[in-house]
Amino acid sequence: MEEYRYLQELTERYPALKGLEEEIRAAFLVIKESFEAGGKLLVAGNGGSCADAEHIVGELMKSFVKPRPLPEALKEALIHEEPGLGGALSEKLQGGLPAIALNSHPGLTSAFLNDVDGEMAYAQQVLGYGKKGDVFLGITTSGNAKNIRYAAVTARAMGLRVVGLTGRGGGALAALCDAAVIAPEKETYRIQELHLPIYHALCLMLEETFF
């Protein structure tokens, strides 16, 4: 498959990731199958991995490296609605893959922290946004962040599939995952340095598949 060339490039550029090809391929297939069936990706990170969750959503919801023109029928519908505005929209909007970063809602999460339990704020959003067939992607360098684990348990109970991006042997999160990619490092910053090329490869593979 053409998209797997990104996986080969990844391991060539980052030799430390050799041996993780099957795990990365499994994570890709879980997300790909969800998108193909009309599902969406819910992403959450703990600590510095919050930025990674935002980064992933940014790569999926707009063009990453490939152009993503709108279907002609949608372009025509936009122009039909309002020729001036619709014309601009038809030229500048890009195809997106539906993804939500759960750490992007400070009003909700701070209220849940104050009123209920902050460690369950991601789980609450999985409950509100998720549906069977969606995917929850949890990022925690230790694999043991409670907020991510609570969200993963909730996701599984609701019929979502779970992908983990972690390190240090996978931690408790690994046992909750349909696919877990475990960076072969122990220090947090070193794990995070490997997470970025891993999820870039996943986003490139998904873009290649759908656009």
N, C-alpha and C. Protein backbone atom coordinates (compact mmCIF):
# COMPACT_ATOMS: atom_id res chain seq x y z
N MET A 1 0.84 -1.20 0.00
CA MET A 1 0.00 0.00 0.00
C MET A 1 0.88 1.25 0.00
N GLU A 2 0.48 2.25 -0.77
CA GLU A 2 1.28 3.46 -0.94
C GLU A 2 1.55 4.17 0.38
N GLU A 3 0.54 4.18 1.27
CA GLU A 3 0.71 4.92 2.53
C GLU A 3 1.80 4.34 3.42
N TYR A 4 2.15 3.07 3.21
CA TYR A 4 3.15 2.44 4.08
C TYR A 4 4.57 2.92 3.78
N ARG A 5 4.73 3.67 2.70
CA ARG A 5 6.07 4.22 2.45
C ARG A 5 6.46 5.19 3.56
N TYR A 6 5.46 5.85 4.16
CA TYR A 6 5.77 6.76 5.26
C TYR A 6 6.28 6.00 6.47
N LEU A 7 5.81 4.80 6.64
CA LEU A 7 6.29 3.97 7.74
C LEU A 7 7.74 3.56 7.51
N GLN A 8 8.07 3.24 6.29
CA GLN A 8 9.45 2.90 5.95
C GLN A 8 10.36 4.11 6.15
N GLU A 9 9.90 5.29 5.69
CA GLU A 9 10.70 6.50 5.86
C GLU A 9 10.91 6.81 7.35
N LEU A 10 9.87 6.57 8.14
CA LEU A 10 9.96 6.84 9.58
C LEU A 10 11.08 6.04 10.22
N THR A 11 11.11 4.75 9.95
CA THR A 11 12.12 3.90 10.60
C THR A 11 13.52 4.14 10.03
N GLU A 12 13.59 4.61 8.79
CA GLU A 12 14.89 4.95 8.23
C GLU A 12 15.45 6.21 8.90
N ARG A 13 14.57 7.17 9.18
CA ARG A 13 15.00 8.43 9.79
C ARG A 13 15.19 8.29 11.29
N TYR A 14 14.43 7.39 11.90
CA TYR A 14 14.50 7.20 13.35
C TYR A 14 14.74 5.72 13.64
N PRO A 15 16.00 5.28 13.56
CA PRO A 15 16.31 3.86 13.75
C PRO A 15 15.82 3.30 15.08
N ALA A 16 15.67 4.15 16.09
CA ALA A 16 15.18 3.68 17.39
C ALA A 16 13.78 3.10 17.30
N LEU A 17 13.06 3.45 16.23
CA LEU A 17 11.67 2.99 16.08
C LEU A 17 11.57 1.69 15.27
N LYS A 18 12.70 1.19 14.79
CA LYS A 18 12.65 -0.11 14.10
C LYS A 18 12.16 -1.17 15.07
N GLY A 19 11.29 -2.01 14.61
CA GLY A 19 10.66 -3.00 15.47
C GLY A 19 9.27 -2.59 15.91
N LEU A 20 8.89 -1.32 15.66
CA LEU A 20 7.54 -0.85 16.02
C LEU A 20 6.62 -0.78 14.81
N GLU A 21 7.07 -1.27 13.67
CA GLU A 21 6.27 -1.14 12.45
C GLU A 21 4.89 -1.76 12.60
N GLU A 22 4.81 -2.93 13.17
CA GLU A 22 3.51 -3.61 13.29
C GLU A 22 2.58 -2.86 14.23
N GLU A 23 3.13 -2.33 15.32
CA GLU A 23 2.31 -1.57 16.26
C GLU A 23 1.77 -0.29 15.61
N ILE A 24 2.61 0.40 14.86
CA ILE A 24 2.18 1.63 14.20
C ILE A 24 1.15 1.30 13.11
N ARG A 25 1.39 0.23 12.38
CA ARG A 25 0.44 -0.20 11.35
C ARG A 25 -0.90 -0.55 11.99
N ALA A 26 -0.89 -1.21 13.13
CA ALA A 26 -2.13 -1.57 13.81
C ALA A 26 -2.89 -0.33 14.25
N ALA A 27 -2.17 0.67 14.78
CA ALA A 27 -2.83 1.91 15.18
C ALA A 27 -3.45 2.61 13.98
N PHE A 28 -2.71 2.65 12.88
CA PHE A 28 -3.22 3.25 11.65
C PHE A 28 -4.50 2.57 11.19
N LEU A 29 -4.52 1.25 11.20
CA LEU A 29 -5.69 0.52 10.71
C LEU A 29 -6.90 0.75 11.59
N VAL A 30 -6.71 0.83 12.90
CA VAL A 30 -7.84 1.10 13.80
C VAL A 30 -8.48 2.45 13.45
N ILE A 31 -7.65 3.47 13.27
CA ILE A 31 -8.18 4.81 12.98
C ILE A 31 -8.76 4.86 11.56
N LYS A 32 -8.07 4.26 10.62
CA LYS A 32 -8.54 4.23 9.23
C LYS A 32 -9.92 3.59 9.13
N GLU A 33 -10.09 2.44 9.78
CA GLU A 33 -11.38 1.74 9.71
C GLU A 33 -12.50 2.57 10.33
N SER A 34 -12.18 3.31 11.37
CA SER A 34 -13.20 4.17 11.98
C SER A 34 -13.61 5.29 11.03
N PHE A 35 -12.63 5.96 10.42
CA PHE A 35 -12.95 7.03 9.47
C PHE A 35 -13.75 6.49 8.28
N GLU A 36 -13.38 5.32 7.80
CA GLU A 36 -14.10 4.73 6.67
C GLU A 36 -15.56 4.46 7.01
N ALA A 37 -15.83 4.17 8.28
CA ALA A 37 -17.19 3.86 8.70
C ALA A 37 -17.95 5.08 9.20
N GLY A 38 -17.37 6.26 9.03
CA GLY A 38 -18.05 7.49 9.46
C GLY A 38 -17.78 7.87 10.89
N GLY A 39 -16.76 7.28 11.51
CA GLY A 39 -16.42 7.60 12.89
C GLY A 39 -15.50 8.81 12.99
N LYS A 40 -15.15 9.13 14.22
CA LYS A 40 -14.25 10.26 14.48
C LYS A 40 -13.20 9.85 15.49
N LEU A 41 -12.18 10.69 15.62
CA LEU A 41 -11.07 10.44 16.52
C LEU A 41 -11.12 11.44 17.66
N LEU A 42 -11.14 10.93 18.89
CA LEU A 42 -11.06 11.75 20.09
C LEU A 42 -9.66 11.59 20.65
N VAL A 43 -8.95 12.71 20.84
CA VAL A 43 -7.54 12.65 21.24
C VAL A 43 -7.36 13.40 22.56
N ALA A 44 -6.60 12.81 23.48
CA ALA A 44 -6.30 13.49 24.74
C ALA A 44 -4.90 13.15 25.17
N GLY A 45 -4.21 14.14 25.70
CA GLY A 45 -2.87 13.93 26.23
C GLY A 45 -2.77 14.46 27.64
N ASN A 46 -1.88 13.86 28.40
CA ASN A 46 -1.63 14.31 29.76
C ASN A 46 -0.36 15.16 29.78
N GLY A 47 -0.38 16.26 30.53
CA GLY A 47 0.80 17.11 30.65
C GLY A 47 1.24 17.67 29.30
N GLY A 48 2.53 17.53 29.01
CA GLY A 48 3.05 18.04 27.74
C GLY A 48 2.42 17.39 26.54
N SER A 49 1.86 16.20 26.71
CA SER A 49 1.22 15.50 25.60
C SER A 49 -0.08 16.16 25.18
N CYS A 50 -0.58 17.12 25.98
CA CYS A 50 -1.72 17.92 25.52
C CYS A 50 -1.40 18.61 24.20
N ALA A 51 -0.16 19.12 24.10
CA ALA A 51 0.24 19.80 22.87
C ALA A 51 0.27 18.83 21.71
N ASP A 52 0.65 17.57 21.98
CA ASP A 52 0.65 16.57 20.92
C ASP A 52 -0.77 16.28 20.44
N ALA A 53 -1.73 16.25 21.37
CA ALA A 53 -3.12 16.03 20.98
C ALA A 53 -3.59 17.13 20.04
N GLU A 54 -3.27 18.38 20.38
CA GLU A 54 -3.63 19.51 19.52
C GLU A 54 -2.95 19.39 18.17
N HIS A 55 -1.69 19.00 18.19
CA HIS A 55 -0.90 18.89 16.96
C HIS A 55 -1.52 17.85 16.01
N ILE A 56 -1.89 16.70 16.56
CA ILE A 56 -2.50 15.65 15.74
C ILE A 56 -3.77 16.14 15.08
N VAL A 57 -4.62 16.80 15.86
CA VAL A 57 -5.88 17.31 15.31
C VAL A 57 -5.61 18.34 14.20
N GLY A 58 -4.60 19.17 14.41
CA GLY A 58 -4.26 20.15 13.39
C GLY A 58 -3.84 19.52 12.07
N GLU A 59 -3.14 18.38 12.14
CA GLU A 59 -2.70 17.72 10.91
C GLU A 59 -3.84 17.00 10.21
N LEU A 60 -4.84 16.54 10.97
CA LEU A 60 -5.93 15.76 10.38
C LEU A 60 -7.05 16.64 9.84
N MET A 61 -7.31 17.77 10.47
CA MET A 61 -8.49 18.57 10.13
C MET A 61 -8.27 19.51 8.94
N LYS A 62 -7.03 19.60 8.47
CA LYS A 62 -6.74 20.41 7.30
C LYS A 62 -5.61 19.74 6.53
N SER A 63 -5.23 20.32 5.43
CA SER A 63 -4.14 19.76 4.63
C SER A 63 -2.86 19.65 5.45
N PHE A 64 -2.20 18.50 5.32
CA PHE A 64 -0.90 18.29 5.97
C PHE A 64 0.18 18.49 4.91
N VAL A 65 0.33 17.53 4.00
CA VAL A 65 1.28 17.72 2.90
C VAL A 65 0.63 17.60 1.53
N LYS A 66 -0.61 17.15 1.48
CA LYS A 66 -1.29 16.95 0.20
C LYS A 66 -2.44 17.96 0.07
N PRO A 67 -2.74 18.42 -1.15
CA PRO A 67 -3.93 19.26 -1.33
C PRO A 67 -5.19 18.45 -1.05
N ARG A 68 -6.19 19.10 -0.49
CA ARG A 68 -7.45 18.41 -0.17
C ARG A 68 -8.64 19.22 -0.70
N PRO A 69 -8.77 19.32 -2.01
CA PRO A 69 -9.87 20.10 -2.57
C PRO A 69 -11.22 19.52 -2.22
N LEU A 70 -12.21 20.38 -2.11
CA LEU A 70 -13.57 19.93 -1.82
C LEU A 70 -14.16 19.22 -3.04
N PRO A 71 -15.10 18.30 -2.82
CA PRO A 71 -15.83 17.70 -3.94
C PRO A 71 -16.55 18.77 -4.75
N GLU A 72 -16.65 18.57 -6.04
CA GLU A 72 -17.29 19.57 -6.90
C GLU A 72 -18.73 19.84 -6.48
N ALA A 73 -19.44 18.82 -6.05
CA ALA A 73 -20.84 19.02 -5.65
C ALA A 73 -20.94 19.96 -4.46
N LEU A 74 -20.02 19.85 -3.53
CA LEU A 74 -20.05 20.75 -2.36
C LEU A 74 -19.65 22.16 -2.78
N LYS A 75 -18.68 22.27 -3.66
CA LYS A 75 -18.31 23.60 -4.17
C LYS A 75 -19.52 24.29 -4.80
N GLU A 76 -20.24 23.55 -5.62
CA GLU A 76 -21.42 24.12 -6.28
C GLU A 76 -22.49 24.50 -5.27
N ALA A 77 -22.66 23.67 -4.24
CA ALA A 77 -23.67 23.97 -3.22
C ALA A 77 -23.30 25.23 -2.44
N LEU A 78 -22.04 25.42 -2.14
CA LEU A 78 -21.60 26.62 -1.43
C LEU A 78 -21.86 27.87 -2.28
N ILE A 79 -21.51 27.79 -3.56
CA ILE A 79 -21.73 28.93 -4.45
C ILE A 79 -23.21 29.20 -4.63
N HIS A 80 -24.01 28.15 -4.68
CA HIS A 80 -25.46 28.32 -4.81
C HIS A 80 -26.04 29.05 -3.60
N GLU A 81 -25.52 28.77 -2.41
CA GLU A 81 -26.04 29.41 -1.20
C GLU A 81 -25.76 30.90 -1.18
N GLU A 82 -24.57 31.30 -1.61
CA GLU A 82 -24.20 32.71 -1.62
C GLU A 82 -23.00 32.85 -2.55
N PRO A 83 -23.20 33.34 -3.77
CA PRO A 83 -22.12 33.31 -4.76
C PRO A 83 -20.81 33.94 -4.30
N GLY A 84 -20.87 35.07 -3.61
CA GLY A 84 -19.64 35.73 -3.18
C GLY A 84 -18.93 34.95 -2.09
N LEU A 85 -19.60 34.77 -0.97
CA LEU A 85 -18.99 34.04 0.14
C LEU A 85 -18.77 32.58 -0.22
N GLY A 86 -19.73 32.01 -0.91
CA GLY A 86 -19.62 30.60 -1.27
C GLY A 86 -18.45 30.34 -2.20
N GLY A 87 -18.18 31.30 -3.10
CA GLY A 87 -17.04 31.14 -3.99
C GLY A 87 -15.73 31.11 -3.23
N ALA A 88 -15.59 32.00 -2.23
CA ALA A 88 -14.38 32.02 -1.42
C ALA A 88 -14.26 30.74 -0.61
N LEU A 89 -15.37 30.29 -0.03
CA LEU A 89 -15.35 29.06 0.75
C LEU A 89 -14.98 27.87 -0.12
N SER A 90 -15.52 27.81 -1.31
CA SER A 90 -15.28 26.65 -2.18
C SER A 90 -13.82 26.55 -2.59
N GLU A 91 -13.12 27.68 -2.62
CA GLU A 91 -11.72 27.67 -3.02
C GLU A 91 -10.76 27.44 -1.85
N LYS A 92 -11.17 27.88 -0.65
CA LYS A 92 -10.22 27.88 0.47
C LYS A 92 -10.48 26.79 1.51
N LEU A 93 -11.69 26.29 1.62
CA LEU A 93 -11.91 25.19 2.56
C LEU A 93 -11.21 23.94 2.07
N GLN A 94 -10.81 23.10 3.01
CA GLN A 94 -10.05 21.89 2.69
C GLN A 94 -10.75 20.68 3.31
N GLY A 95 -10.56 19.53 2.70
CA GLY A 95 -11.10 18.31 3.26
C GLY A 95 -10.47 18.02 4.62
N GLY A 96 -11.27 17.56 5.56
CA GLY A 96 -10.78 17.28 6.90
C GLY A 96 -11.17 15.88 7.35
N LEU A 97 -10.36 15.34 8.25
CA LEU A 97 -10.68 14.08 8.91
C LEU A 97 -11.14 14.42 10.32
N PRO A 98 -12.32 13.97 10.74
CA PRO A 98 -12.93 14.45 11.99
C PRO A 98 -12.16 14.03 13.24
N ALA A 99 -11.60 15.01 13.92
CA ALA A 99 -10.81 14.75 15.12
C ALA A 99 -11.02 15.88 16.12
N ILE A 100 -11.09 15.54 17.39
CA ILE A 100 -11.31 16.51 18.46
C ILE A 100 -10.26 16.31 19.54
N ALA A 101 -9.59 17.40 19.94
CA ALA A 101 -8.64 17.35 21.06
C ALA A 101 -9.42 17.65 22.34
N LEU A 102 -9.49 16.69 23.23
CA LEU A 102 -10.33 16.84 24.41
C LEU A 102 -9.76 17.81 25.43
N ASN A 103 -8.49 18.16 25.30
CA ASN A 103 -7.90 19.13 26.23
C ASN A 103 -8.12 20.57 25.78
N SER A 104 -8.95 20.77 24.78
CA SER A 104 -9.15 22.11 24.21
C SER A 104 -10.38 22.83 24.77
N HIS A 105 -10.92 22.35 25.87
CA HIS A 105 -12.18 22.90 26.38
C HIS A 105 -12.02 23.29 27.85
N PRO A 106 -11.28 24.39 28.11
CA PRO A 106 -10.97 24.74 29.50
C PRO A 106 -12.20 25.09 30.34
N GLY A 107 -13.23 25.67 29.72
CA GLY A 107 -14.44 25.97 30.49
C GLY A 107 -15.06 24.71 31.06
N LEU A 108 -15.20 23.70 30.21
CA LEU A 108 -15.78 22.43 30.64
C LEU A 108 -14.87 21.72 31.64
N THR A 109 -13.58 21.61 31.29
CA THR A 109 -12.69 20.84 32.15
C THR A 109 -12.48 21.50 33.51
N SER A 110 -12.42 22.83 33.55
CA SER A 110 -12.26 23.49 34.84
C SER A 110 -13.53 23.37 35.68
N ALA A 111 -14.69 23.39 35.02
CA ALA A 111 -15.94 23.19 35.76
C ALA A 111 -16.03 21.78 36.32
N PHE A 112 -15.62 20.81 35.52
CA PHE A 112 -15.67 19.42 35.99
C PHE A 112 -14.67 19.21 37.13
N LEU A 113 -13.52 19.89 37.03
CA LEU A 113 -12.52 19.82 38.09
C LEU A 113 -13.10 20.37 39.40
N ASN A 114 -13.78 21.49 39.31
CA ASN A 114 -14.32 22.14 40.51
C ASN A 114 -15.53 21.40 41.07
N ASP A 115 -16.39 20.91 40.17
CA ASP A 115 -17.68 20.37 40.61
C ASP A 115 -17.67 18.87 40.85
N VAL A 116 -16.78 18.14 40.16
CA VAL A 116 -16.85 16.68 40.20
C VAL A 116 -15.48 16.09 40.51
N ASP A 117 -14.68 15.83 39.48
CA ASP A 117 -13.37 15.20 39.66
C ASP A 117 -12.56 15.47 38.40
N GLY A 118 -11.51 16.28 38.53
CA GLY A 118 -10.73 16.68 37.37
C GLY A 118 -10.09 15.53 36.63
N GLU A 119 -9.79 14.43 37.31
CA GLU A 119 -9.16 13.30 36.64
C GLU A 119 -10.11 12.60 35.69
N MET A 120 -11.40 12.90 35.80
CA MET A 120 -12.39 12.26 34.95
C MET A 120 -12.92 13.19 33.85
N ALA A 121 -12.28 14.34 33.68
CA ALA A 121 -12.77 15.32 32.70
C ALA A 121 -12.71 14.78 31.27
N TYR A 122 -11.65 14.06 30.93
CA TYR A 122 -11.58 13.47 29.59
C TYR A 122 -12.63 12.38 29.43
N ALA A 123 -12.82 11.59 30.47
CA ALA A 123 -13.83 10.53 30.40
C ALA A 123 -15.22 11.13 30.18
N GLN A 124 -15.50 12.27 30.81
CA GLN A 124 -16.78 12.92 30.62
C GLN A 124 -16.98 13.34 29.17
N GLN A 125 -15.90 13.81 28.55
CA GLN A 125 -16.00 14.22 27.15
C GLN A 125 -16.13 13.02 26.22
N VAL A 126 -15.46 11.93 26.54
CA VAL A 126 -15.66 10.71 25.76
C VAL A 126 -17.12 10.30 25.83
N LEU A 127 -17.70 10.40 27.02
CA LEU A 127 -19.11 10.06 27.20
C LEU A 127 -20.00 10.96 26.35
N GLY A 128 -19.68 12.25 26.30
CA GLY A 128 -20.51 13.21 25.57
C GLY A 128 -20.32 13.18 24.07
N TYR A 129 -19.09 13.03 23.62
CA TYR A 129 -18.79 13.07 22.18
C TYR A 129 -18.81 11.69 21.52
N GLY A 130 -18.45 10.67 22.26
CA GLY A 130 -18.18 9.38 21.65
C GLY A 130 -19.41 8.59 21.26
N LYS A 131 -19.22 7.76 20.27
CA LYS A 131 -20.24 6.79 19.87
C LYS A 131 -19.53 5.52 19.41
N LYS A 132 -20.25 4.44 19.42
CA LYS A 132 -19.66 3.17 18.99
C LYS A 132 -19.06 3.32 17.60
N GLY A 133 -17.85 2.84 17.45
CA GLY A 133 -17.16 2.95 16.17
C GLY A 133 -16.15 4.07 16.11
N ASP A 134 -16.22 5.02 17.05
CA ASP A 134 -15.20 6.06 17.14
C ASP A 134 -13.93 5.47 17.74
N VAL A 135 -12.87 6.28 17.76
CA VAL A 135 -11.61 5.87 18.35
C VAL A 135 -11.17 6.90 19.38
N PHE A 136 -10.70 6.43 20.52
CA PHE A 136 -10.05 7.30 21.50
C PHE A 136 -8.55 7.06 21.43
N LEU A 137 -7.79 8.14 21.21
CA LEU A 137 -6.33 8.07 21.20
C LEU A 137 -5.82 8.76 22.45
N GLY A 138 -5.24 7.99 23.34
CA GLY A 138 -4.71 8.52 24.59
C GLY A 138 -3.20 8.58 24.56
N ILE A 139 -2.65 9.73 25.00
CA ILE A 139 -1.20 9.93 24.98
C ILE A 139 -0.72 10.17 26.42
N THR A 140 0.13 9.30 26.90
CA THR A 140 0.73 9.44 28.22
C THR A 140 2.09 8.76 28.19
N THR A 141 3.13 9.47 28.54
CA THR A 141 4.47 8.91 28.39
C THR A 141 4.70 7.72 29.31
N SER A 142 4.05 7.72 30.47
CA SER A 142 4.21 6.61 31.41
C SER A 142 3.22 5.48 31.15
N GLY A 143 2.11 5.82 30.51
CA GLY A 143 1.02 4.85 30.35
C GLY A 143 0.16 4.74 31.58
N ASN A 144 0.42 5.57 32.59
CA ASN A 144 -0.28 5.43 33.86
C ASN A 144 -1.09 6.66 34.27
N ALA A 145 -1.16 7.68 33.42
CA ALA A 145 -1.93 8.87 33.77
C ALA A 145 -3.40 8.50 33.98
N LYS A 146 -3.93 8.83 35.15
CA LYS A 146 -5.28 8.40 35.48
C LYS A 146 -6.32 9.03 34.56
N ASN A 147 -6.12 10.30 34.18
CA ASN A 147 -7.13 10.94 33.33
C ASN A 147 -7.26 10.23 31.99
N ILE A 148 -6.14 9.75 31.45
CA ILE A 148 -6.18 9.01 30.19
C ILE A 148 -6.77 7.62 30.40
N ARG A 149 -6.42 6.98 31.48
CA ARG A 149 -6.96 5.64 31.76
C ARG A 149 -8.46 5.68 32.00
N TYR A 150 -8.94 6.67 32.74
CA TYR A 150 -10.38 6.81 32.93
C TYR A 150 -11.09 6.96 31.58
N ALA A 151 -10.51 7.77 30.71
CA ALA A 151 -11.12 7.98 29.39
C ALA A 151 -11.10 6.70 28.57
N ALA A 152 -10.02 5.94 28.67
CA ALA A 152 -9.91 4.70 27.90
C ALA A 152 -10.94 3.67 28.38
N VAL A 153 -11.12 3.56 29.69
CA VAL A 153 -12.11 2.63 30.23
C VAL A 153 -13.51 3.03 29.76
N THR A 154 -13.81 4.32 29.81
CA THR A 154 -15.12 4.81 29.36
C THR A 154 -15.32 4.52 27.88
N ALA A 155 -14.27 4.76 27.10
CA ALA A 155 -14.34 4.50 25.66
C ALA A 155 -14.66 3.03 25.38
N ARG A 156 -13.96 2.13 26.04
CA ARG A 156 -14.18 0.70 25.81
C ARG A 156 -15.60 0.31 26.21
N ALA A 157 -16.07 0.86 27.32
CA ALA A 157 -17.42 0.52 27.78
C ALA A 157 -18.48 0.98 26.79
N MET A 158 -18.19 2.04 26.03
CA MET A 158 -19.14 2.60 25.06
C MET A 158 -19.00 2.00 23.67
N GLY A 159 -18.03 1.11 23.47
CA GLY A 159 -17.85 0.50 22.16
C GLY A 159 -16.91 1.24 21.24
N LEU A 160 -16.12 2.18 21.79
CA LEU A 160 -15.08 2.82 21.01
C LEU A 160 -13.84 1.92 21.05
N ARG A 161 -13.00 2.05 20.04
CA ARG A 161 -11.71 1.38 20.08
C ARG A 161 -10.69 2.36 20.66
N VAL A 162 -9.63 1.82 21.22
CA VAL A 162 -8.65 2.63 21.94
C VAL A 162 -7.26 2.42 21.35
N VAL A 163 -6.60 3.54 21.06
CA VAL A 163 -5.21 3.53 20.63
C VAL A 163 -4.40 4.26 21.69
N GLY A 164 -3.27 3.70 22.05
CA GLY A 164 -2.39 4.34 23.03
C GLY A 164 -1.07 4.73 22.41
N LEU A 165 -0.58 5.90 22.82
CA LEU A 165 0.75 6.36 22.45
C LEU A 165 1.47 6.62 23.76
N THR A 166 2.44 5.78 24.06
CA THR A 166 3.01 5.79 25.40
C THR A 166 4.49 5.43 25.36
N GLY A 167 5.06 5.10 26.52
CA GLY A 167 6.45 4.71 26.65
C GLY A 167 6.61 3.86 27.89
N ARG A 168 7.87 3.66 28.32
CA ARG A 168 8.16 2.94 29.58
C ARG A 168 7.46 1.59 29.67
N GLY A 169 7.40 0.87 28.59
CA GLY A 169 6.79 -0.45 28.63
C GLY A 169 5.29 -0.45 28.46
N GLY A 170 4.67 0.71 28.34
CA GLY A 170 3.24 0.79 28.08
C GLY A 170 2.38 1.12 29.28
N GLY A 171 2.85 0.82 30.49
CA GLY A 171 2.08 1.12 31.68
C GLY A 171 0.73 0.43 31.68
N ALA A 172 -0.17 0.92 32.52
CA ALA A 172 -1.50 0.33 32.66
C ALA A 172 -2.36 0.56 31.42
N LEU A 173 -2.05 1.62 30.66
CA LEU A 173 -2.87 1.93 29.48
C LEU A 173 -2.80 0.82 28.43
N ALA A 174 -1.64 0.20 28.29
CA ALA A 174 -1.44 -0.77 27.21
C ALA A 174 -2.49 -1.88 27.23
N ALA A 175 -2.88 -2.31 28.43
CA ALA A 175 -3.85 -3.40 28.54
C ALA A 175 -5.25 -2.99 28.10
N LEU A 176 -5.50 -1.68 27.99
CA LEU A 176 -6.82 -1.17 27.59
C LEU A 176 -6.89 -0.86 26.11
N CYS A 177 -5.79 -1.06 25.39
CA CYS A 177 -5.70 -0.61 24.00
C CYS A 177 -5.98 -1.72 23.00
N ASP A 178 -6.63 -1.35 21.90
CA ASP A 178 -6.72 -2.22 20.73
C ASP A 178 -5.40 -2.19 19.97
N ALA A 179 -4.71 -1.06 20.06
CA ALA A 179 -3.38 -0.91 19.46
C ALA A 179 -2.60 0.07 20.31
N ALA A 180 -1.42 -0.31 20.72
CA ALA A 180 -0.57 0.56 21.53
C ALA A 180 0.80 0.69 20.88
N VAL A 181 1.25 1.94 20.74
CA VAL A 181 2.59 2.21 20.22
C VAL A 181 3.42 2.70 21.39
N ILE A 182 4.41 1.93 21.77
CA ILE A 182 5.18 2.18 22.98
C ILE A 182 6.59 2.62 22.59
N ALA A 183 6.88 3.90 22.76
CA ALA A 183 8.21 4.41 22.42
C ALA A 183 9.25 3.73 23.31
N PRO A 184 10.36 3.28 22.73
CA PRO A 184 11.36 2.53 23.49
C PRO A 184 12.31 3.43 24.28
N GLU A 185 11.75 4.23 25.15
CA GLU A 185 12.54 5.12 26.02
C GLU A 185 11.90 5.15 27.39
N LYS A 186 12.64 5.67 28.37
CA LYS A 186 12.13 5.76 29.73
C LYS A 186 11.98 7.20 30.22
N GLU A 187 12.85 8.10 29.76
CA GLU A 187 12.75 9.50 30.15
C GLU A 187 11.62 10.18 29.39
N THR A 188 10.84 11.01 30.12
CA THR A 188 9.66 11.63 29.51
C THR A 188 10.00 12.39 28.24
N TYR A 189 11.03 13.24 28.29
CA TYR A 189 11.32 14.06 27.12
C TYR A 189 11.77 13.21 25.94
N ARG A 190 12.46 12.11 26.20
CA ARG A 190 12.89 11.23 25.11
C ARG A 190 11.70 10.50 24.48
N ILE A 191 10.76 10.12 25.32
CA ILE A 191 9.53 9.50 24.80
C ILE A 191 8.78 10.48 23.92
N GLN A 192 8.65 11.72 24.40
CA GLN A 192 7.94 12.73 23.62
C GLN A 192 8.64 13.03 22.30
N GLU A 193 9.97 12.98 22.30
CA GLU A 193 10.71 13.23 21.07
C GLU A 193 10.43 12.16 20.01
N LEU A 194 10.11 10.96 20.45
CA LEU A 194 9.76 9.89 19.51
C LEU A 194 8.27 9.89 19.17
N HIS A 195 7.44 10.38 20.07
CA HIS A 195 6.00 10.42 19.78
C HIS A 195 5.72 11.29 18.56
N LEU A 196 6.40 12.42 18.43
CA LEU A 196 6.10 13.33 17.33
C LEU A 196 6.29 12.67 15.96
N PRO A 197 7.42 12.07 15.65
CA PRO A 197 7.53 11.41 14.33
C PRO A 197 6.57 10.24 14.16
N ILE A 198 6.22 9.57 15.26
CA ILE A 198 5.25 8.47 15.15
C ILE A 198 3.90 9.01 14.71
N TYR A 199 3.40 10.05 15.39
CA TYR A 199 2.07 10.51 15.00
C TYR A 199 2.09 11.31 13.70
N HIS A 200 3.23 11.90 13.35
CA HIS A 200 3.32 12.49 12.01
C HIS A 200 3.16 11.41 10.95
N ALA A 201 3.81 10.26 11.15
CA ALA A 201 3.68 9.17 10.19
C ALA A 201 2.24 8.69 10.11
N LEU A 202 1.57 8.56 11.25
CA LEU A 202 0.17 8.14 11.24
C LEU A 202 -0.69 9.14 10.46
N CYS A 203 -0.47 10.43 10.69
CA CYS A 203 -1.26 11.45 9.99
C CYS A 203 -0.98 11.44 8.50
N LEU A 204 0.27 11.24 8.11
CA LEU A 204 0.62 11.15 6.70
C LEU A 204 -0.03 9.94 6.05
N MET A 205 -0.03 8.82 6.74
CA MET A 205 -0.64 7.61 6.21
C MET A 205 -2.15 7.79 6.04
N LEU A 206 -2.78 8.44 7.00
CA LEU A 206 -4.22 8.67 6.90
C LEU A 206 -4.55 9.64 5.77
N GLU A 207 -3.75 10.69 5.64
CA GLU A 207 -3.99 11.64 4.55
C GLU A 207 -3.82 10.97 3.20
N GLU A 208 -2.80 10.14 3.07
CA GLU A 208 -2.56 9.42 1.82
C GLU A 208 -3.75 8.52 1.48
N THR A 209 -4.34 7.92 2.50
CA THR A 209 -5.46 7.00 2.30
C THR A 209 -6.71 7.73 1.82
N PHE A 210 -7.00 8.86 2.45
CA PHE A 210 -8.30 9.50 2.20
C PHE A 210 -8.25 10.65 1.21
N PHE A 211 -7.05 11.11 0.86
CA PHE A 211 -6.97 12.22 -0.08
C PHE A 211 -5.96 11.93 -1.19
